[in-house]
Protein backbone atom coordinates (compact mmCIF):
# COMPACT_ATOMS: atom_id res chain seq x y z
CA UNK A 1 -68.84 31.36 -17.40
CA UNK A 2 -68.14 32.68 -13.93
CA UNK A 3 -65.33 31.00 -12.01
CA UNK A 4 -66.45 30.28 -8.46
CA UNK A 5 -64.65 28.11 -5.90
CA UNK A 6 -67.26 25.39 -6.45
CA UNK A 7 -66.93 25.41 -10.24
CA UNK A 8 -65.00 22.32 -11.53
CA UNK A 9 -63.09 24.47 -14.05
CA UNK A 10 -61.95 26.76 -11.23
CA UNK A 11 -60.76 23.77 -9.20
CA UNK A 12 -58.92 22.35 -12.22
CA UNK A 13 -57.17 25.69 -12.85
CA UNK A 14 -56.09 25.88 -9.19
CA UNK A 15 -54.76 22.30 -9.35
CA UNK A 16 -52.75 23.07 -12.49
CA UNK A 17 -51.28 26.20 -10.88
CA UNK A 18 -50.26 24.28 -7.74
CA UNK A 19 -48.66 21.50 -9.79
CA UNK A 20 -46.86 24.10 -11.91
CA UNK A 21 -45.45 25.84 -8.84
CA UNK A 22 -44.29 22.51 -7.40
CA UNK A 23 -42.59 21.63 -10.70
CA UNK A 24 -40.78 24.97 -10.78
CA UNK A 25 -39.57 24.52 -7.19
CA UNK A 26 -38.27 21.05 -7.98
CA UNK A 27 -36.72 22.14 -11.31
CA UNK A 28 -34.86 25.07 -9.74
CA UNK A 29 -33.02 22.81 -7.30
CA UNK A 30 -34.79 23.32 -3.99
CA UNK A 31 -33.83 20.56 -1.55
CA UNK A 32 -36.11 17.59 -1.75
CA UNK A 33 -35.81 14.02 -0.63
CA UNK A 34 -37.20 10.80 -1.93
CA UNK A 35 -37.04 7.12 -1.22
CA UNK A 36 -37.69 4.61 -3.94
CA UNK A 37 -37.37 0.96 -4.79
CA UNK A 38 -34.74 1.89 -7.40
CA UNK A 39 -32.65 3.78 -4.83
CA UNK A 40 -32.71 0.79 -2.51
CA UNK A 41 -31.03 -1.50 -5.07
CA UNK A 42 -32.39 -4.54 -3.29
CA UNK A 43 -31.27 -3.49 0.19
CA UNK A 44 -33.28 -4.68 3.18
CA UNK A 45 -33.70 -1.12 4.46
CA UNK A 46 -34.53 2.02 2.50
CA UNK A 47 -31.87 4.67 2.06
CA UNK A 48 -32.95 8.25 1.79
CA UNK A 49 -31.28 10.08 -1.05
CA UNK A 50 -31.33 13.83 -0.59
CA UNK A 51 -31.33 15.89 -3.76
CA UNK A 52 -29.24 18.96 -3.06
CA UNK A 53 -29.06 20.43 -6.53
CA UNK A 54 -25.86 21.61 -8.14
CA UNK A 55 -22.73 23.29 -6.91
CA UNK A 56 -20.44 24.97 -9.39
CA UNK A 57 -17.40 27.21 -9.67
CA UNK A 58 -19.46 30.30 -8.72
CA UNK A 59 -20.04 28.99 -5.17
CA UNK A 60 -18.05 30.57 -2.34
CA UNK A 61 -15.85 28.46 -0.07
CA UNK A 62 -18.45 28.78 2.72
CA UNK A 63 -21.23 27.66 0.36
CA UNK A 64 -19.15 24.69 -0.76
CA UNK A 65 -18.39 23.67 2.85
CA UNK A 66 -22.06 23.94 3.87
CA UNK A 67 -23.04 21.91 0.80
CA UNK A 68 -20.41 19.28 1.61
CA UNK A 69 -21.56 19.06 5.25
CA UNK A 70 -25.19 18.61 4.18
CA UNK A 71 -24.20 16.02 1.58
CA UNK A 72 -22.13 14.03 4.11
CA UNK A 73 -24.90 14.18 6.70
CA UNK A 74 -27.42 12.68 4.29
CA UNK A 75 -25.27 10.25 2.30
CA UNK A 76 -22.60 8.78 4.59
CA UNK A 77 -22.21 5.06 3.92
CA UNK A 78 -24.91 4.72 1.23
CA UNK A 79 -22.62 3.34 -1.48
CA UNK A 80 -25.03 0.52 -2.38
CA UNK A 81 -27.80 3.03 -3.11
CA UNK A 82 -25.65 5.60 -4.90
CA UNK A 83 -24.52 5.78 -8.50
CA UNK A 84 -21.62 8.04 -9.43
CA UNK A 85 -21.79 9.20 -13.05
CA UNK A 86 -19.06 11.24 -14.74
CA UNK A 87 -19.83 12.94 -18.06
CA UNK A 88 -17.06 14.37 -20.24
CA UNK A 89 -16.15 15.17 -23.82
CA UNK A 90 -12.88 14.15 -25.51
CA UNK A 91 -12.68 17.58 -27.16
CA UNK A 92 -13.28 19.52 -23.94
CA UNK A 93 -10.21 21.33 -22.60
CA UNK A 94 -11.53 21.33 -19.03
CA UNK A 95 -12.20 17.58 -19.27
CA UNK A 96 -8.62 17.05 -20.46
CA UNK A 97 -7.36 19.02 -17.43
CA UNK A 98 -9.46 16.89 -15.07
CA UNK A 99 -8.58 13.50 -16.61
CA UNK A 100 -5.19 12.98 -14.86
CA UNK A 101 -6.66 14.01 -11.51
CA UNK A 102 -9.59 11.61 -11.91
CA UNK A 103 -7.27 8.79 -13.04
CA UNK A 104 -5.13 9.33 -9.93
CA UNK A 105 -8.27 9.31 -7.74
CA UNK A 106 -9.36 6.00 -9.29
CA UNK A 107 -5.93 4.49 -8.59
CA UNK A 108 -6.04 5.55 -4.92
CA UNK A 109 -9.66 4.46 -4.42
CA UNK A 110 -10.39 1.52 -6.77
CA UNK A 111 -13.40 0.56 -4.64
CA UNK A 112 -15.21 3.79 -5.60
CA UNK A 113 -17.26 2.89 -8.65
CA UNK A 114 -17.50 5.70 -11.19
CA UNK A 115 -19.37 5.17 -14.45
CA UNK A 116 -17.91 7.41 -17.16
CA UNK A 117 -19.85 8.63 -20.18
CA UNK A 118 -18.36 10.37 -23.24
CA UNK A 119 -21.19 12.63 -24.36
CA UNK A 120 -20.73 12.25 -28.12
CA UNK A 121 -22.00 8.70 -27.80
CA UNK A 122 -25.79 8.64 -28.37
CA UNK A 123 -26.50 6.41 -25.35
CA UNK A 124 -24.31 8.57 -23.12
CA UNK A 125 -26.04 11.74 -24.26
CA UNK A 126 -29.41 10.13 -23.51
CA UNK A 127 -28.13 9.12 -20.05
CA UNK A 128 -26.98 12.71 -19.41
CA UNK A 129 -30.41 14.06 -20.38
CA UNK A 130 -32.06 11.49 -18.12
CA UNK A 131 -29.76 12.43 -15.21
CA UNK A 132 -30.51 16.13 -15.72
CA UNK A 133 -34.22 15.42 -15.43
CA UNK A 134 -33.73 13.11 -12.43
CA UNK A 135 -31.54 15.67 -10.64
CA UNK A 136 -33.69 18.64 -11.60
CA UNK A 137 -31.22 20.69 -13.62
CA UNK A 138 -31.98 22.31 -16.94
CA UNK A 139 -28.52 22.89 -18.34
CA UNK A 140 -25.11 21.44 -17.73
CA UNK A 141 -21.55 21.72 -18.90
CA UNK A 142 -18.88 19.06 -18.90
CA UNK A 143 -17.07 17.94 -16.92
CA UNK A 144 -19.94 17.10 -14.60
CA UNK A 145 -20.44 14.47 -11.90
CA UNK A 146 -23.76 13.25 -10.55
CA UNK A 147 -23.36 11.66 -7.11
CA UNK A 148 -26.14 10.63 -4.71
CA UNK A 149 -28.53 13.39 -5.65
CA UNK A 150 -25.87 16.06 -6.03
CA UNK A 151 -24.32 17.62 -9.10
CA UNK A 152 -20.72 18.89 -9.27
CA UNK A 153 -19.69 20.93 -12.30
CA UNK A 154 -16.33 22.30 -13.40
CA UNK A 155 -12.73 21.24 -12.87
CA UNK A 156 -12.03 23.24 -9.71
CA UNK A 157 -15.29 22.28 -8.02
CA UNK A 158 -14.85 18.60 -8.85
CA UNK A 159 -11.25 18.64 -7.59
CA UNK A 160 -12.28 20.35 -4.33
CA UNK A 161 -15.51 18.51 -3.57
CA UNK A 162 -15.69 15.13 -5.26
CA UNK A 163 -13.11 13.32 -3.12
CA UNK A 164 -14.68 14.11 0.28
CA UNK A 165 -18.15 13.41 -1.11
CA UNK A 166 -17.19 10.04 -2.59
CA UNK A 167 -15.24 9.05 0.53
CA UNK A 168 -18.24 9.81 2.76
CA UNK A 169 -20.51 7.69 0.54
CA UNK A 170 -18.06 4.78 0.68
CA UNK A 171 -17.06 5.38 4.35
CA UNK A 172 -13.40 5.50 3.33
CA UNK A 173 -10.54 7.39 4.98
CA UNK A 174 -8.49 9.96 3.10
CA UNK A 175 -5.43 8.32 1.47
């Protein structure tokens, strides 16, 4: 069978290739944006959640600042449309190092709602896998925070970036 541009098999192959390329671009963390009924959480106006991908300990200070600026620009004041999820493991040394810092953050900003998941719990592990798919990442290490379409991994990165990101979402001043 000869594949010509008018052949239905040819067109199907081209469609599959285009869909595959789009999936790879989304999976690798290219910036994308989406609006959905779920993101609106019953609000009268839609909020646009911008998926920025992940930032980790390998990022330079300039990369982190650019990421933070982009995050703030897209997510300032969207607390009603944003879920903050923190995944950790009781046996993780890095998670143990982060715990006092996160507890202190929660004391200073009780209005910032953070849902915590211990990943040895079956439901929490399923939620982590679901978040990875939703946020377009293939692997992750704890501690990890998912916030308004962004992913923050590692103690140092979380300590440097989470507070300004969460405060911009909740329109709160630094305390």
